[in-house]
Amino acid sequence: MSINFQELQDLLGAISQTDITELILKNDDFELTVRKETGVVAVPQLTTSTTPTVVETTVPTAVQTPVAVTNEPPESTSTPAVDDRKWVDITSPMVGTFYSAPAPDEDPFVAVGDRINKGDTVCIIEAMKLMNEIEGEVVGQIMEISVENGEPVEFGQVLMRINPA
């Protein structure tokens, strides 16, 4: 059995939209187990032995923080309000871990205020031990980075916002 990353991503997306709680795929050198209720996904590893090897990793789940709502008017500041309706969101194409730099001891790919071109790498999302470079889809300026280095991210979560120009 051969499965590529896109097929695996499509499969996981399809499973998340159903009531399926467990799926097991296996053959002589590959085993994949997905369990929705436990948040554990088996990571396949190809081996040359006859015994399959399975490593389990925890899939992070979204945590929502309550937001306090007050009836007080917002404080006036010297900075004018930013019109962010034209900003373009860069969202996570998968569940994984956000990394702002190619290695822990290296500078981040981008910082707030940096200008990027279409196709520039802006971060990495690690998913199932695979490093996936995320590229900017527009030319513009980084206006906001919404997640911290090493933070778990969900599919569709906004990673950063770009002012196209």
C-alpha atoms as a PDB file:
ATOM      1  CA  MET A   1       0.000   0.000   0.000  1.00  0.00           C
ATOM      2  CA  SER A   2       1.291   3.403  -0.936  1.00  0.00           C
ATOM      3  CA  ILE A   3      -0.174   6.649   0.420  1.00  0.00           C
ATOM      4  CA  ASN A   4       1.191  10.137  -0.077  1.00  0.00           C
ATOM      5  CA  PHE A   5       0.817  13.101   2.267  1.00  0.00           C
ATOM      6  CA  GLN A   6      -1.996  14.741   0.241  1.00  0.00           C
ATOM      7  CA  GLU A   7      -4.007  11.499   0.227  1.00  0.00           C
ATOM      8  CA  LEU A   8      -3.472  11.172   3.986  1.00  0.00           C
ATOM      9  CA  GLN A   9      -4.543  14.795   4.545  1.00  0.00           C
ATOM     10  CA  ASP A  10      -7.667  14.234   2.393  1.00  0.00           C
ATOM     11  CA  LEU A  11      -8.473  11.039   4.283  1.00  0.00           C
ATOM     12  CA  LEU A  12      -8.148  12.729   7.684  1.00  0.00           C
ATOM     13  CA  GLY A  13     -10.296  15.632   6.484  1.00  0.00           C
ATOM     14  CA  ALA A  14     -12.994  13.249   5.254  1.00  0.00           C
ATOM     15  CA  ILE A  15     -12.949  11.277   8.508  1.00  0.00           C
ATOM     16  CA  SER A  16     -13.276  14.458  10.566  1.00  0.00           C
ATOM     17  CA  GLN A  17     -16.559  15.206   8.730  1.00  0.00           C
ATOM     18  CA  THR A  18     -18.100  11.807   9.583  1.00  0.00           C
ATOM     19  CA  ASP A  19     -19.153   9.847  12.647  1.00  0.00           C
ATOM     20  CA  ILE A  20     -16.286   7.387  12.145  1.00  0.00           C
ATOM     21  CA  THR A  21     -14.417   7.102  15.454  1.00  0.00           C
ATOM     22  CA  GLU A  22     -11.687   4.646  14.471  1.00  0.00           C
ATOM     23  CA  LEU A  23      -9.992   3.619  11.244  1.00  0.00           C
ATOM     24  CA  ILE A  24      -7.179   1.079  10.851  1.00  0.00           C
ATOM     25  CA  LEU A  25      -5.283   0.563   7.591  1.00  0.00           C
ATOM     26  CA  LYS A  26      -2.449  -1.956   7.508  1.00  0.00           C
ATOM     27  CA  ASN A  27      -0.321  -4.203   5.367  1.00  0.00           C
ATOM     28  CA  ASP A  28       3.106  -5.871   5.745  1.00  0.00           C
ATOM     29  CA  ASP A  29       5.153  -2.663   6.116  1.00  0.00           C
ATOM     30  CA  PHE A  30       2.568   0.048   6.860  1.00  0.00           C
ATOM     31  CA  GLU A  31       0.020   0.615   9.597  1.00  0.00           C
ATOM     32  CA  LEU A  32      -2.161   3.670  10.163  1.00  0.00           C
ATOM     33  CA  THR A  33      -4.601   3.979  13.060  1.00  0.00           C
ATOM     34  CA  VAL A  34      -6.841   7.020  13.516  1.00  0.00           C
ATOM     35  CA  ARG A  35      -9.009   7.379  16.634  1.00  0.00           C
ATOM     36  CA  LYS A  36     -11.098  10.542  16.953  1.00  0.00           C
ATOM     37  CA  GLU A  37     -12.205  10.139  20.551  1.00  0.00           C
ATOM     38  CA  THR A  38      -8.695   9.783  21.995  1.00  0.00           C
ATOM     39  CA  GLY A  39      -6.924  12.423  19.918  1.00  0.00           C
ATOM     40  CA  VAL A  40      -4.148   9.905  19.098  1.00  0.00           C
ATOM     41  CA  VAL A  41      -2.911   9.234  15.579  1.00  0.00           C
ATOM     42  CA  ALA A  42      -0.507   6.461  14.681  1.00  0.00           C
ATOM     43  CA  VAL A  43       2.387   7.685  12.576  1.00  0.00           C
ATOM     44  CA  PRO A  44       3.423   5.173   9.925  1.00  0.00           C
ATOM     45  CA  GLN A  45       7.069   4.231   9.637  1.00  0.00           C
ATOM     46  CA  LEU A  46       8.335   2.037   6.831  1.00  0.00           C
ATOM     47  CA  THR A  47      10.474  -0.821   8.007  1.00  0.00           C
ATOM     48  CA  THR A  48      12.420  -3.581   6.347  1.00  0.00           C
ATOM     49  CA  SER A  49      11.535  -6.114   9.002  1.00  0.00           C
ATOM     50  CA  THR A  50       8.366  -8.195   8.932  1.00  0.00           C
ATOM     51  CA  THR A  51       7.112  -6.558  12.134  1.00  0.00           C
ATOM     52  CA  PRO A  52       5.345  -3.223  11.564  1.00  0.00           C
ATOM     53  CA  THR A  53       6.491  -0.252  13.638  1.00  0.00           C
ATOM     54  CA  VAL A  54       3.953   2.256  14.901  1.00  0.00           C
ATOM     55  CA  VAL A  55       4.716   5.467  16.755  1.00  0.00           C
ATOM     56  CA  GLU A  56       1.796   7.292  18.353  1.00  0.00           C
ATOM     57  CA  THR A  57       1.633  11.068  18.638  1.00  0.00           C
ATOM     58  CA  THR A  58      -0.977  13.233  20.290  1.00  0.00           C
ATOM     59  CA  VAL A  59      -2.998  15.482  18.018  1.00  0.00           C
ATOM     60  CA  PRO A  60      -3.524  18.866  19.686  1.00  0.00           C
ATOM     61  CA  THR A  61      -7.108  20.034  20.126  1.00  0.00           C
ATOM     62  CA  ALA A  62      -8.342  23.594  20.078  1.00  0.00           C
ATOM     63  CA  VAL A  63      -8.627  25.346  23.417  1.00  0.00           C
ATOM     64  CA  GLN A  64     -10.965  28.286  23.578  1.00  0.00           C
ATOM     65  CA  THR A  65     -10.349  31.022  26.111  1.00  0.00           C
ATOM     66  CA  PRO A  66     -13.375  32.965  27.356  1.00  0.00           C
ATOM     67  CA  VAL A  67     -13.315  36.653  26.453  1.00  0.00           C
ATOM     68  CA  ALA A  68     -14.596  39.274  28.894  1.00  0.00           C
ATOM     69  CA  VAL A  69     -17.201  41.629  27.450  1.00  0.00           C
ATOM     70  CA  THR A  70     -17.721  45.071  28.947  1.00  0.00           C
ATOM     71  CA  ASN A  71     -20.111  47.882  28.175  1.00  0.00           C
ATOM     72  CA  GLU A  72     -17.384  50.512  28.492  1.00  0.00           C
ATOM     73  CA  PRO A  73     -16.427  52.439  25.344  1.00  0.00           C
ATOM     74  CA  PRO A  74     -12.946  51.713  24.036  1.00  0.00           C
ATOM     75  CA  GLU A  75     -10.210  54.001  25.293  1.00  0.00           C
ATOM     76  CA  SER A  76      -9.025  56.542  22.770  1.00  0.00           C
ATOM     77  CA  THR A  77      -5.445  56.147  21.700  1.00  0.00           C
ATOM     78  CA  SER A  78      -3.124  58.235  19.604  1.00  0.00           C
ATOM     79  CA  THR A  79      -2.876  55.431  17.025  1.00  0.00           C
ATOM     80  CA  PRO A  80      -5.660  55.571  14.419  1.00  0.00           C
ATOM     81  CA  ALA A  81      -7.742  52.466  13.836  1.00  0.00           C
ATOM     82  CA  VAL A  82      -6.287  50.175  11.176  1.00  0.00           C
ATOM     83  CA  ASP A  83      -8.505  49.261   8.250  1.00  0.00           C
ATOM     84  CA  ASP A  84      -7.779  45.526   8.135  1.00  0.00           C
ATOM     85  CA  ARG A  85     -10.576  44.553   5.734  1.00  0.00           C
ATOM     86  CA  LYS A  86      -8.100  44.305   2.874  1.00  0.00           C
ATOM     87  CA  TRP A  87      -5.603  42.177   4.812  1.00  0.00           C
ATOM     88  CA  VAL A  88      -5.026  38.649   3.550  1.00  0.00           C
ATOM     89  CA  ASP A  89      -4.941  35.826   6.085  1.00  0.00           C
ATOM     90  CA  ILE A  90      -2.364  33.054   5.876  1.00  0.00           C
ATOM     91  CA  THR A  91      -4.060  30.057   7.460  1.00  0.00           C
ATOM     92  CA  SER A  92      -2.768  26.679   8.514  1.00  0.00           C
ATOM     93  CA  PRO A  93      -3.508  24.015   5.893  1.00  0.00           C
ATOM     94  CA  MET A  94      -3.266  21.282   8.539  1.00  0.00           C
ATOM     95  CA  VAL A  95      -3.148  20.449  12.233  1.00  0.00           C
ATOM     96  CA  GLY A  96       0.412  20.644  13.516  1.00  0.00           C
ATOM     97  CA  THR A  97       3.033  22.738  15.283  1.00  0.00           C
ATOM     98  CA  PHE A  98       3.935  26.246  14.099  1.00  0.00           C
ATOM     99  CA  TYR A  99       7.611  27.103  13.716  1.00  0.00           C
ATOM    100  CA  SER A 100       8.664  30.641  12.792  1.00  0.00           C
ATOM    101  CA  ALA A 101      12.262  29.683  11.885  1.00  0.00           C
ATOM    102  CA  PRO A 102      13.960  26.838   9.989  1.00  0.00           C
ATOM    103  CA  ALA A 103      15.860  25.810  13.145  1.00  0.00           C
ATOM    104  CA  PRO A 104      15.792  26.820  16.837  1.00  0.00           C
ATOM    105  CA  ASP A 105      19.057  28.787  16.575  1.00  0.00           C
ATOM    106  CA  GLU A 106      18.180  30.614  13.332  1.00  0.00           C
ATOM    107  CA  ASP A 107      16.336  33.866  12.631  1.00  0.00           C
ATOM    108  CA  PRO A 108      12.591  33.686  11.891  1.00  0.00           C
ATOM    109  CA  PHE A 109      11.446  33.548   8.275  1.00  0.00           C
ATOM    110  CA  VAL A 110       9.457  36.796   8.731  1.00  0.00           C
ATOM    111  CA  ALA A 111       8.647  39.398  11.373  1.00  0.00           C
ATOM    112  CA  VAL A 112       5.906  42.002  11.669  1.00  0.00           C
ATOM    113  CA  GLY A 113       6.686  44.807   9.211  1.00  0.00           C
ATOM    114  CA  ASP A 114       8.660  42.616   6.766  1.00  0.00           C
ATOM    115  CA  ARG A 115       7.746  42.717   3.092  1.00  0.00           C
ATOM    116  CA  ILE A 116       7.255  39.391   1.333  1.00  0.00           C
ATOM    117  CA  ASN A 117       6.821  38.248  -2.249  1.00  0.00           C
ATOM    118  CA  LYS A 118       4.440  35.606  -3.502  1.00  0.00           C
ATOM    119  CA  GLY A 119       6.011  32.191  -2.857  1.00  0.00           C
ATOM    120  CA  ASP A 120       8.271  33.310   0.023  1.00  0.00           C
ATOM    121  CA  THR A 121       8.391  30.845   2.916  1.00  0.00           C
ATOM    122  CA  VAL A 122       6.794  32.487   5.962  1.00  0.00           C
ATOM    123  CA  CYS A 123       6.788  29.578   8.457  1.00  0.00           C
ATOM    124  CA  ILE A 124       6.835  25.808   8.889  1.00  0.00           C
ATOM    125  CA  ILE A 125       4.029  23.576  10.129  1.00  0.00           C
ATOM    126  CA  GLU A 126       5.220  20.252  11.502  1.00  0.00           C
ATOM    127  CA  ALA A 127       2.622  17.532  11.063  1.00  0.00           C
ATOM    128  CA  MET A 128       3.325  13.881  11.799  1.00  0.00           C
ATOM    129  CA  LYS A 129       7.088  14.486  11.884  1.00  0.00           C
ATOM    130  CA  LEU A 130       6.999  16.127   8.429  1.00  0.00           C
ATOM    131  CA  MET A 131       8.122  19.754   8.052  1.00  0.00           C
ATOM    132  CA  ASN A 132       5.780  21.625   5.680  1.00  0.00           C
ATOM    133  CA  GLU A 133       6.908  25.036   4.443  1.00  0.00           C
ATOM    134  CA  ILE A 134       4.058  27.548   4.246  1.00  0.00           C
ATOM    135  CA  GLU A 135       4.418  30.155   1.511  1.00  0.00           C
ATOM    136  CA  GLY A 136       2.891  33.602   1.148  1.00  0.00           C
ATOM    137  CA  GLU A 137       0.266  33.782  -1.567  1.00  0.00           C
ATOM    138  CA  VAL A 138       0.463  37.544  -2.136  1.00  0.00           C
ATOM    139  CA  VAL A 139       3.032  40.336  -2.262  1.00  0.00           C
ATOM    140  CA  GLY A 140       2.728  42.567   0.782  1.00  0.00           C
ATOM    141  CA  GLN A 141       3.747  43.466   4.317  1.00  0.00           C
ATOM    142  CA  ILE A 142       3.382  41.226   7.383  1.00  0.00           C
ATOM    143  CA  MET A 143       0.975  43.088   9.665  1.00  0.00           C
ATOM    144  CA  GLU A 144       0.327  40.485  12.359  1.00  0.00           C
ATOM    145  CA  ILE A 145       1.675  37.101  13.456  1.00  0.00           C
ATOM    146  CA  SER A 146      -1.095  35.381  15.400  1.00  0.00           C
ATOM    147  CA  VAL A 147       0.743  32.382  16.882  1.00  0.00           C
ATOM    148  CA  GLU A 148       3.916  31.846  18.896  1.00  0.00           C
ATOM    149  CA  ASN A 149       6.840  29.661  17.872  1.00  0.00           C
ATOM    150  CA  GLY A 150       6.255  26.029  18.894  1.00  0.00           C
ATOM    151  CA  GLU A 151       2.511  26.555  19.425  1.00  0.00           C
ATOM    152  CA  PRO A 152       0.051  23.904  18.200  1.00  0.00           C
ATOM    153  CA  VAL A 153      -2.240  25.074  15.393  1.00  0.00           C
ATOM    154  CA  GLU A 154      -5.509  23.803  13.957  1.00  0.00           C
ATOM    155  CA  PHE A 155      -6.587  23.422  10.339  1.00  0.00           C
ATOM    156  CA  GLY A 156      -7.756  26.823   9.059  1.00  0.00           C
ATOM    157  CA  GLN A 157      -6.318  28.779  12.011  1.00  0.00           C
ATOM    158  CA  VAL A 158      -4.983  32.213  11.056  1.00  0.00           C
ATOM    159  CA  LEU A 159      -1.183  32.201  11.322  1.00  0.00           C
ATOM    160  CA  MET A 160      -0.479  35.720  10.095  1.00  0.00           C
ATOM    161  CA  ARG A 161      -2.064  38.597   8.214  1.00  0.00           C
ATOM    162  CA  ILE A 162      -0.613  40.431   5.228  1.00  0.00           C
ATOM    163  CA  ASN A 163      -1.428  43.881   3.893  1.00  0.00           C
ATOM    164  CA  PRO A 164      -1.229  43.279   0.128  1.00  0.00           C
ATOM    165  CA  ALA A 165       0.557  45.938  -1.894  1.00  0.00           C
END
